[in-house]
C-alpha atoms as a PDB file:
ATOM      1  CA  MET A   1      18.550 -14.165 -25.448  1.00  0.00           C
ATOM      2  CA  ALA A   2      21.676 -12.344 -24.206  1.00  0.00           C
ATOM      3  CA  THR A   3      19.525  -9.512 -22.838  1.00  0.00           C
ATOM      4  CA  ILE A   4      17.371 -11.944 -20.871  1.00  0.00           C
ATOM      5  CA  LEU A   5      20.391 -13.771 -19.475  1.00  0.00           C
ATOM      6  CA  ASN A   6      21.973 -10.474 -18.439  1.00  0.00           C
ATOM      7  CA  ALA A   7      18.743  -9.396 -16.723  1.00  0.00           C
ATOM      8  CA  VAL A   8      18.628 -12.691 -14.808  1.00  0.00           C
ATOM      9  CA  ARG A   9      22.257 -12.227 -13.735  1.00  0.00           C
ATOM     10  CA  VAL A  10      21.642  -8.654 -12.540  1.00  0.00           C
ATOM     11  CA  ALA A  11      18.468  -9.661 -10.689  1.00  0.00           C
ATOM     12  CA  LEU A  12      20.295 -12.480  -8.900  1.00  0.00           C
ATOM     13  CA  GLU A  13      23.140 -10.148  -7.928  1.00  0.00           C
ATOM     14  CA  ARG A  14      20.633  -7.726  -6.367  1.00  0.00           C
ATOM     15  CA  THR A  15      18.635 -10.399  -4.564  1.00  0.00           C
ATOM     16  CA  PRO A  16      18.693 -10.236  -0.733  1.00  0.00           C
ATOM     17  CA  PRO A  17      20.579 -13.130   0.934  1.00  0.00           C
ATOM     18  CA  LYS A  18      17.516 -14.858   2.412  1.00  0.00           C
ATOM     19  CA  LEU A  19      15.697 -14.925  -0.929  1.00  0.00           C
ATOM     20  CA  SER A  20      18.923 -15.912  -2.660  1.00  0.00           C
ATOM     21  CA  ALA A  21      19.198 -18.963  -0.399  1.00  0.00           C
ATOM     22  CA  ASP A  22      15.598 -19.862  -1.246  1.00  0.00           C
ATOM     23  CA  ILE A  23      16.344 -19.620  -4.972  1.00  0.00           C
ATOM     24  CA  SER A  24      19.437 -21.791  -4.536  1.00  0.00           C
ATOM     25  CA  ASP A  25      17.340 -24.434  -2.761  1.00  0.00           C
ATOM     26  CA  ARG A  26      14.228 -24.355  -4.925  1.00  0.00           C
ATOM     27  CA  GLY A  27      15.531 -23.017  -8.226  1.00  0.00           C
ATOM     28  CA  ILE A  28      13.911 -20.756 -10.784  1.00  0.00           C
ATOM     29  CA  VAL A  29      10.528 -21.464 -12.373  1.00  0.00           C
ATOM     30  CA  LEU A  30       9.964 -19.823 -15.744  1.00  0.00           C
ATOM     31  CA  THR A  31       6.441 -18.574 -16.466  1.00  0.00           C
ATOM     32  CA  GLY A  32       4.774 -16.532 -19.164  1.00  0.00           C
ATOM     33  CA  GLY A  33       5.555 -16.403 -22.846  1.00  0.00           C
ATOM     34  CA  GLY A  34       9.309 -16.104 -22.268  1.00  0.00           C
ATOM     35  CA  ALA A  35       9.279 -19.577 -20.749  1.00  0.00           C
ATOM     36  CA  LEU A  36       8.435 -20.884 -24.216  1.00  0.00           C
ATOM     37  CA  LEU A  37      11.652 -19.584 -25.776  1.00  0.00           C
ATOM     38  CA  LYS A  38      13.615 -22.581 -26.999  1.00  0.00           C
ATOM     39  CA  ASN A  39      16.359 -23.655 -24.554  1.00  0.00           C
ATOM     40  CA  LEU A  40      15.921 -20.635 -22.265  1.00  0.00           C
ATOM     41  CA  ASP A  41      15.748 -22.909 -19.230  1.00  0.00           C
ATOM     42  CA  LYS A  42      18.936 -24.695 -20.301  1.00  0.00           C
ATOM     43  CA  ARG A  43      20.803 -21.422 -20.931  1.00  0.00           C
ATOM     44  CA  ILE A  44      19.802 -19.944 -17.549  1.00  0.00           C
ATOM     45  CA  ARG A  45      20.817 -23.192 -15.847  1.00  0.00           C
ATOM     46  CA  GLU A  46      24.216 -23.099 -17.589  1.00  0.00           C
ATOM     47  CA  GLU A  47      24.777 -19.401 -16.810  1.00  0.00           C
ATOM     48  CA  THR A  48      23.706 -19.495 -13.153  1.00  0.00           C
ATOM     49  CA  GLY A  49      24.312 -23.069 -12.026  1.00  0.00           C
ATOM     50  CA  LEU A  50      20.813 -23.014 -10.513  1.00  0.00           C
ATOM     51  CA  PRO A  51      18.016 -25.500 -11.106  1.00  0.00           C
ATOM     52  CA  VAL A  52      15.560 -24.103 -13.665  1.00  0.00           C
ATOM     53  CA  SER A  53      12.169 -25.501 -14.613  1.00  0.00           C
ATOM     54  CA  ILE A  54       9.246 -24.406 -16.751  1.00  0.00           C
ATOM     55  CA  ALA A  55       5.770 -24.091 -15.217  1.00  0.00           C
ATOM     56  CA  ASP A  56       3.329 -26.789 -16.340  1.00  0.00           C
ATOM     57  CA  ASP A  57       1.237 -24.209 -18.198  1.00  0.00           C
ATOM     58  CA  PRO A  58       3.462 -21.127 -18.421  1.00  0.00           C
ATOM     59  CA  LEU A  59       0.889 -18.873 -20.090  1.00  0.00           C
ATOM     60  CA  ALA A  60      -1.947 -19.711 -17.698  1.00  0.00           C
ATOM     61  CA  SER A  61       0.289 -19.649 -14.616  1.00  0.00           C
ATOM     62  CA  VAL A  62       0.774 -15.886 -14.894  1.00  0.00           C
ATOM     63  CA  VAL A  63      -2.992 -15.292 -14.978  1.00  0.00           C
ATOM     64  CA  LEU A  64      -3.679 -17.791 -12.200  1.00  0.00           C
ATOM     65  CA  GLY A  65      -0.954 -16.306 -10.007  1.00  0.00           C
ATOM     66  CA  THR A  66      -2.265 -12.790 -10.521  1.00  0.00           C
ATOM     67  CA  GLY A  67      -5.765 -13.963  -9.596  1.00  0.00           C
ATOM     68  CA  THR A  68      -4.462 -15.616  -6.429  1.00  0.00           C
ATOM     69  CA  ASP A  69      -2.618 -12.448  -5.428  1.00  0.00           C
ATOM     70  CA  ALA A  70      -5.755 -10.368  -6.013  1.00  0.00           C
ATOM     71  CA  GLU A  71      -7.788 -12.731  -3.825  1.00  0.00           C
ATOM     72  CA  ARG A  72      -5.189 -12.576  -1.046  1.00  0.00           C
ATOM     73  CA  PHE A  73      -5.089  -8.789  -1.255  1.00  0.00           C
ATOM     74  CA  GLN A  74      -8.873  -8.589  -0.987  1.00  0.00           C
ATOM     75  CA  ALA A  75      -8.879 -10.989   1.974  1.00  0.00           C
ATOM     76  CA  ALA A  76      -6.175  -8.978   3.731  1.00  0.00           C
ATOM     77  CA  ALA A  77      -8.008  -5.703   3.062  1.00  0.00           C
ATOM     78  CA  HIS A  78     -11.228  -7.227   4.403  1.00  0.00           C
ATOM     79  CA  GLY A  79      -9.376  -8.384   7.537  1.00  0.00           C
ATOM     80  CA  VAL A  80      -8.006  -4.887   8.153  1.00  0.00           C
ATOM     81  CA  HIS A  81     -11.487  -3.422   7.672  1.00  0.00           C
ATOM     82  CA  ARG A  82     -12.911  -5.857  10.243  1.00  0.00           C
ATOM     83  CA  LEU A  83     -10.164  -4.974  12.738  1.00  0.00           C
ATOM     84  CA  ARG A  84     -11.054  -1.282  12.427  1.00  0.00           C
ATOM     85  CA  GLN A  85     -14.656  -2.094  13.317  1.00  0.00           C
ATOM     86  CA  ILE A  86     -13.650  -3.707  16.627  1.00  0.00           C
END
């Protein structure tokens, strides 16, 4: 748990100001298997002072998010291809 908390701390310290402000406003959402670690959300909240929540379905959210990114990438690539044809 200490390693995870340290990694969160380091990541937040290296976060650009604009994204940092976004995280302060919206908080951190835990996803994946790590989100299921008992009291991880509570510990991160205590360590950072930021709001922390767990995704509704943390294991599926990683897969769904990756699928969404892949679809967006394909759409963007298709758009660039169409622009080259013009």
